[in-house]
Amino acid sequence: MAFDTLRAAQRLREGGAEEPLAEAGVEVVVDASEHVTNERFDQRMTSFEHRIDARFEAFRAEMYRMFAIQSGVILGGVGVIVALVETLN
């Protein structure tokens, strides 16, 4: 979709902006649109997804580590209880 700079400036003028402000506003949008292309957006999103994936994997590894520790503590506690019960009998 093409950006209609003349129509945009006209709409700004109709909204109460003076001519220099309307033209400057349109120029800002045009300049910004040159930097935000679909390709650049896709590259940034891919980079963002990779960072999120890396953080999620680190979180997942930490959760597995904590699960292993918790399981060890529970099994150790059960072992102690079994040993106490056998000793008392």
N, C-alpha and C. Protein backbone atom coordinates (compact mmCIF):
# COMPACT_ATOMS: atom_id res chain seq x y z
N MET A 1 0.84 -1.16 0.00
CA MET A 1 0.00 0.00 0.00
C MET A 1 0.90 1.24 0.00
N ALA A 2 0.65 2.13 -0.91
CA ALA A 2 1.45 3.34 -1.02
C ALA A 2 0.92 4.40 -0.05
N PHE A 3 1.83 5.17 0.48
CA PHE A 3 1.47 6.25 1.40
C PHE A 3 1.26 7.52 0.59
N ASP A 4 0.08 8.08 0.67
CA ASP A 4 -0.25 9.29 -0.09
C ASP A 4 0.16 10.52 0.72
N THR A 5 1.34 11.06 0.39
CA THR A 5 1.88 12.18 1.16
C THR A 5 1.03 13.44 0.99
N LEU A 6 0.53 13.66 -0.21
CA LEU A 6 -0.30 14.86 -0.44
C LEU A 6 -1.58 14.79 0.38
N ARG A 7 -2.21 13.63 0.38
CA ARG A 7 -3.45 13.46 1.15
C ARG A 7 -3.17 13.59 2.65
N ALA A 8 -2.06 13.06 3.10
CA ALA A 8 -1.72 13.15 4.52
C ALA A 8 -1.51 14.59 4.93
N ALA A 9 -0.78 15.35 4.13
CA ALA A 9 -0.56 16.78 4.44
C ALA A 9 -1.88 17.54 4.42
N GLN A 10 -2.74 17.20 3.46
CA GLN A 10 -4.04 17.86 3.38
C GLN A 10 -4.87 17.55 4.62
N ARG A 11 -4.87 16.31 5.07
CA ARG A 11 -5.63 15.94 6.26
C ARG A 11 -5.10 16.66 7.50
N LEU A 12 -3.77 16.83 7.58
CA LEU A 12 -3.21 17.57 8.70
C LEU A 12 -3.63 19.03 8.66
N ARG A 13 -3.63 19.60 7.48
CA ARG A 13 -4.07 21.01 7.34
C ARG A 13 -5.54 21.15 7.71
N GLU A 14 -6.35 20.18 7.24
CA GLU A 14 -7.78 20.21 7.57
C GLU A 14 -8.00 20.04 9.07
N GLY A 15 -7.09 19.37 9.73
CA GLY A 15 -7.19 19.18 11.17
C GLY A 15 -6.69 20.37 11.97
N GLY A 16 -6.19 21.38 11.28
CA GLY A 16 -5.78 22.60 11.96
C GLY A 16 -4.28 22.85 11.95
N ALA A 17 -3.50 21.96 11.37
CA ALA A 17 -2.06 22.17 11.33
C ALA A 17 -1.74 23.20 10.24
N GLU A 18 -0.78 24.04 10.54
CA GLU A 18 -0.35 25.00 9.53
C GLU A 18 0.50 24.27 8.49
N GLU A 19 0.66 24.89 7.32
CA GLU A 19 1.36 24.27 6.19
C GLU A 19 2.74 23.71 6.56
N PRO A 20 3.63 24.50 7.20
CA PRO A 20 4.96 23.95 7.53
C PRO A 20 4.88 22.73 8.46
N LEU A 21 3.97 22.77 9.43
CA LEU A 21 3.83 21.65 10.36
C LEU A 21 3.29 20.42 9.64
N ALA A 22 2.31 20.62 8.77
CA ALA A 22 1.74 19.50 8.02
C ALA A 22 2.80 18.84 7.14
N GLU A 23 3.58 19.64 6.46
CA GLU A 23 4.63 19.09 5.60
C GLU A 23 5.71 18.38 6.41
N ALA A 24 6.09 18.98 7.55
CA ALA A 24 7.10 18.36 8.39
C ALA A 24 6.60 17.02 8.95
N GLY A 25 5.35 16.99 9.33
CA GLY A 25 4.77 15.76 9.85
C GLY A 25 4.79 14.65 8.82
N VAL A 26 4.46 14.99 7.59
CA VAL A 26 4.47 14.00 6.52
C VAL A 26 5.90 13.54 6.24
N GLU A 27 6.86 14.45 6.27
CA GLU A 27 8.26 14.09 6.04
C GLU A 27 8.76 13.13 7.11
N VAL A 28 8.36 13.35 8.34
CA VAL A 28 8.76 12.46 9.43
C VAL A 28 8.24 11.05 9.18
N VAL A 29 6.99 10.95 8.77
CA VAL A 29 6.40 9.63 8.50
C VAL A 29 7.12 8.96 7.34
N VAL A 30 7.41 9.71 6.29
CA VAL A 30 8.10 9.14 5.13
C VAL A 30 9.50 8.67 5.53
N ASP A 31 10.22 9.50 6.29
CA ASP A 31 11.56 9.11 6.74
C ASP A 31 11.51 7.85 7.60
N ALA A 32 10.55 7.79 8.49
CA ALA A 32 10.43 6.62 9.37
C ALA A 32 10.08 5.37 8.56
N SER A 33 9.24 5.53 7.56
CA SER A 33 8.82 4.36 6.78
C SER A 33 9.98 3.79 5.97
N GLU A 34 10.99 4.60 5.67
CA GLU A 34 12.16 4.10 4.96
C GLU A 34 12.98 3.16 5.85
N HIS A 35 12.90 3.36 7.15
CA HIS A 35 13.67 2.54 8.09
C HIS A 35 12.93 1.29 8.53
N VAL A 36 11.61 1.34 8.45
CA VAL A 36 10.80 0.21 8.89
C VAL A 36 10.28 -0.51 7.65
N THR A 37 11.07 -1.42 7.15
CA THR A 37 10.65 -2.23 6.02
C THR A 37 10.23 -3.60 6.52
N ASN A 38 9.53 -4.33 5.70
CA ASN A 38 9.12 -5.69 6.11
C ASN A 38 10.33 -6.56 6.38
N GLU A 39 11.37 -6.41 5.54
CA GLU A 39 12.57 -7.22 5.72
C GLU A 39 13.25 -6.89 7.04
N ARG A 40 13.37 -5.61 7.35
CA ARG A 40 14.01 -5.21 8.61
C ARG A 40 13.17 -5.65 9.81
N PHE A 41 11.86 -5.52 9.67
CA PHE A 41 10.97 -5.97 10.75
C PHE A 41 11.12 -7.47 10.97
N ASP A 42 11.14 -8.23 9.88
CA ASP A 42 11.30 -9.69 9.99
C ASP A 42 12.63 -10.04 10.64
N GLN A 43 13.69 -9.33 10.29
CA GLN A 43 15.00 -9.58 10.90
C GLN A 43 14.96 -9.32 12.40
N ARG A 44 14.35 -8.21 12.78
CA ARG A 44 14.27 -7.88 14.21
C ARG A 44 13.42 -8.89 14.96
N MET A 45 12.32 -9.32 14.35
CA MET A 45 11.46 -10.30 15.01
C MET A 45 12.19 -11.64 15.15
N THR A 46 12.94 -12.03 14.14
CA THR A 46 13.71 -13.28 14.22
C THR A 46 14.74 -13.20 15.34
N SER A 47 15.43 -12.06 15.43
CA SER A 47 16.41 -11.86 16.49
C SER A 47 15.73 -11.93 17.86
N PHE A 48 14.58 -11.28 17.97
CA PHE A 48 13.83 -11.29 19.23
C PHE A 48 13.40 -12.71 19.59
N GLU A 49 12.91 -13.46 18.60
CA GLU A 49 12.48 -14.83 18.85
C GLU A 49 13.65 -15.70 19.33
N HIS A 50 14.83 -15.50 18.74
CA HIS A 50 16.00 -16.27 19.17
C HIS A 50 16.37 -15.95 20.62
N ARG A 51 16.29 -14.68 20.99
CA ARG A 51 16.60 -14.31 22.38
C ARG A 51 15.58 -14.90 23.34
N ILE A 52 14.31 -14.87 22.97
CA ILE A 52 13.27 -15.44 23.82
C ILE A 52 13.47 -16.94 23.95
N ASP A 53 13.77 -17.60 22.82
CA ASP A 53 14.01 -19.05 22.86
C ASP A 53 15.17 -19.40 23.78
N ALA A 54 16.25 -18.63 23.71
CA ALA A 54 17.41 -18.89 24.55
C ALA A 54 17.05 -18.72 26.03
N ARG A 55 16.30 -17.69 26.33
CA ARG A 55 15.90 -17.48 27.73
C ARG A 55 14.97 -18.58 28.21
N PHE A 56 14.07 -19.01 27.33
CA PHE A 56 13.15 -20.08 27.70
C PHE A 56 13.91 -21.38 27.95
N GLU A 57 14.88 -21.65 27.12
CA GLU A 57 15.69 -22.87 27.31
C GLU A 57 16.47 -22.80 28.62
N ALA A 58 17.00 -21.65 28.96
CA ALA A 58 17.72 -21.49 30.23
C ALA A 58 16.75 -21.70 31.40
N PHE A 59 15.55 -21.16 31.28
CA PHE A 59 14.53 -21.33 32.31
C PHE A 59 14.15 -22.80 32.44
N ARG A 60 13.97 -23.47 31.31
CA ARG A 60 13.61 -24.88 31.31
C ARG A 60 14.71 -25.71 31.98
N ALA A 61 15.95 -25.43 31.67
CA ALA A 61 17.07 -26.16 32.28
C ALA A 61 17.08 -25.94 33.79
N GLU A 62 16.83 -24.74 34.22
CA GLU A 62 16.79 -24.44 35.66
C GLU A 62 15.63 -25.17 36.33
N MET A 63 14.50 -25.25 35.66
CA MET A 63 13.36 -25.97 36.23
C MET A 63 13.67 -27.45 36.36
N TYR A 64 14.31 -28.04 35.36
CA TYR A 64 14.70 -29.46 35.46
C TYR A 64 15.69 -29.68 36.60
N ARG A 65 16.61 -28.75 36.75
CA ARG A 65 17.60 -28.85 37.83
C ARG A 65 16.90 -28.79 39.19
N MET A 66 15.96 -27.86 39.33
CA MET A 66 15.24 -27.73 40.59
C MET A 66 14.36 -28.97 40.85
N PHE A 67 13.78 -29.53 39.80
CA PHE A 67 12.99 -30.75 39.95
C PHE A 67 13.86 -31.91 40.41
N ALA A 68 15.06 -32.01 39.87
CA ALA A 68 15.98 -33.08 40.26
C ALA A 68 16.37 -32.94 41.73
N ILE A 69 16.66 -31.70 42.15
CA ILE A 69 17.01 -31.46 43.56
C ILE A 69 15.83 -31.80 44.47
N GLN A 70 14.65 -31.35 44.08
CA GLN A 70 13.46 -31.62 44.89
C GLN A 70 13.19 -33.13 44.99
N SER A 71 13.33 -33.81 43.88
CA SER A 71 13.13 -35.27 43.88
C SER A 71 14.14 -35.94 44.79
N GLY A 72 15.38 -35.50 44.74
CA GLY A 72 16.42 -36.07 45.61
C GLY A 72 16.11 -35.85 47.08
N VAL A 73 15.64 -34.66 47.41
CA VAL A 73 15.30 -34.36 48.81
C VAL A 73 14.14 -35.22 49.27
N ILE A 74 13.13 -35.37 48.42
CA ILE A 74 11.97 -36.20 48.79
C ILE A 74 12.38 -37.65 48.97
N LEU A 75 13.15 -38.17 48.00
CA LEU A 75 13.59 -39.56 48.12
C LEU A 75 14.49 -39.77 49.35
N GLY A 76 15.34 -38.80 49.61
CA GLY A 76 16.19 -38.88 50.80
C GLY A 76 15.37 -38.88 52.06
N GLY A 77 14.35 -38.04 52.11
CA GLY A 77 13.47 -37.98 53.28
C GLY A 77 12.71 -39.28 53.47
N VAL A 78 12.23 -39.87 52.39
CA VAL A 78 11.54 -41.15 52.47
C VAL A 78 12.51 -42.22 52.97
N GLY A 79 13.72 -42.18 52.47
CA GLY A 79 14.74 -43.15 52.92
C GLY A 79 15.01 -43.03 54.40
N VAL A 80 15.11 -41.82 54.90
CA VAL A 80 15.34 -41.60 56.33
C VAL A 80 14.16 -42.12 57.14
N ILE A 81 12.95 -41.86 56.70
CA ILE A 81 11.76 -42.33 57.42
C ILE A 81 11.72 -43.86 57.44
N VAL A 82 12.00 -44.48 56.29
CA VAL A 82 12.02 -45.95 56.23
C VAL A 82 13.08 -46.50 57.18
N ALA A 83 14.26 -45.87 57.18
CA ALA A 83 15.34 -46.35 58.08
C ALA A 83 14.92 -46.18 59.54
N LEU A 84 14.27 -45.09 59.89
CA LEU A 84 13.82 -44.88 61.27
C LEU A 84 12.77 -45.90 61.67
N VAL A 85 11.85 -46.17 60.76
CA VAL A 85 10.79 -47.13 61.06
C VAL A 85 11.39 -48.50 61.26
N GLU A 86 12.35 -48.90 60.42
CA GLU A 86 12.99 -50.21 60.57
C GLU A 86 13.80 -50.28 61.88
N THR A 87 14.42 -49.18 62.23
CA THR A 87 15.21 -49.16 63.46
C THR A 87 14.31 -49.28 64.69
N LEU A 88 13.17 -48.66 64.67
CA LEU A 88 12.26 -48.69 65.80
C LEU A 88 11.53 -50.02 65.93
N ASN A 89 11.46 -50.79 64.90
CA ASN A 89 10.76 -52.09 64.95
C ASN A 89 11.69 -53.14 65.33
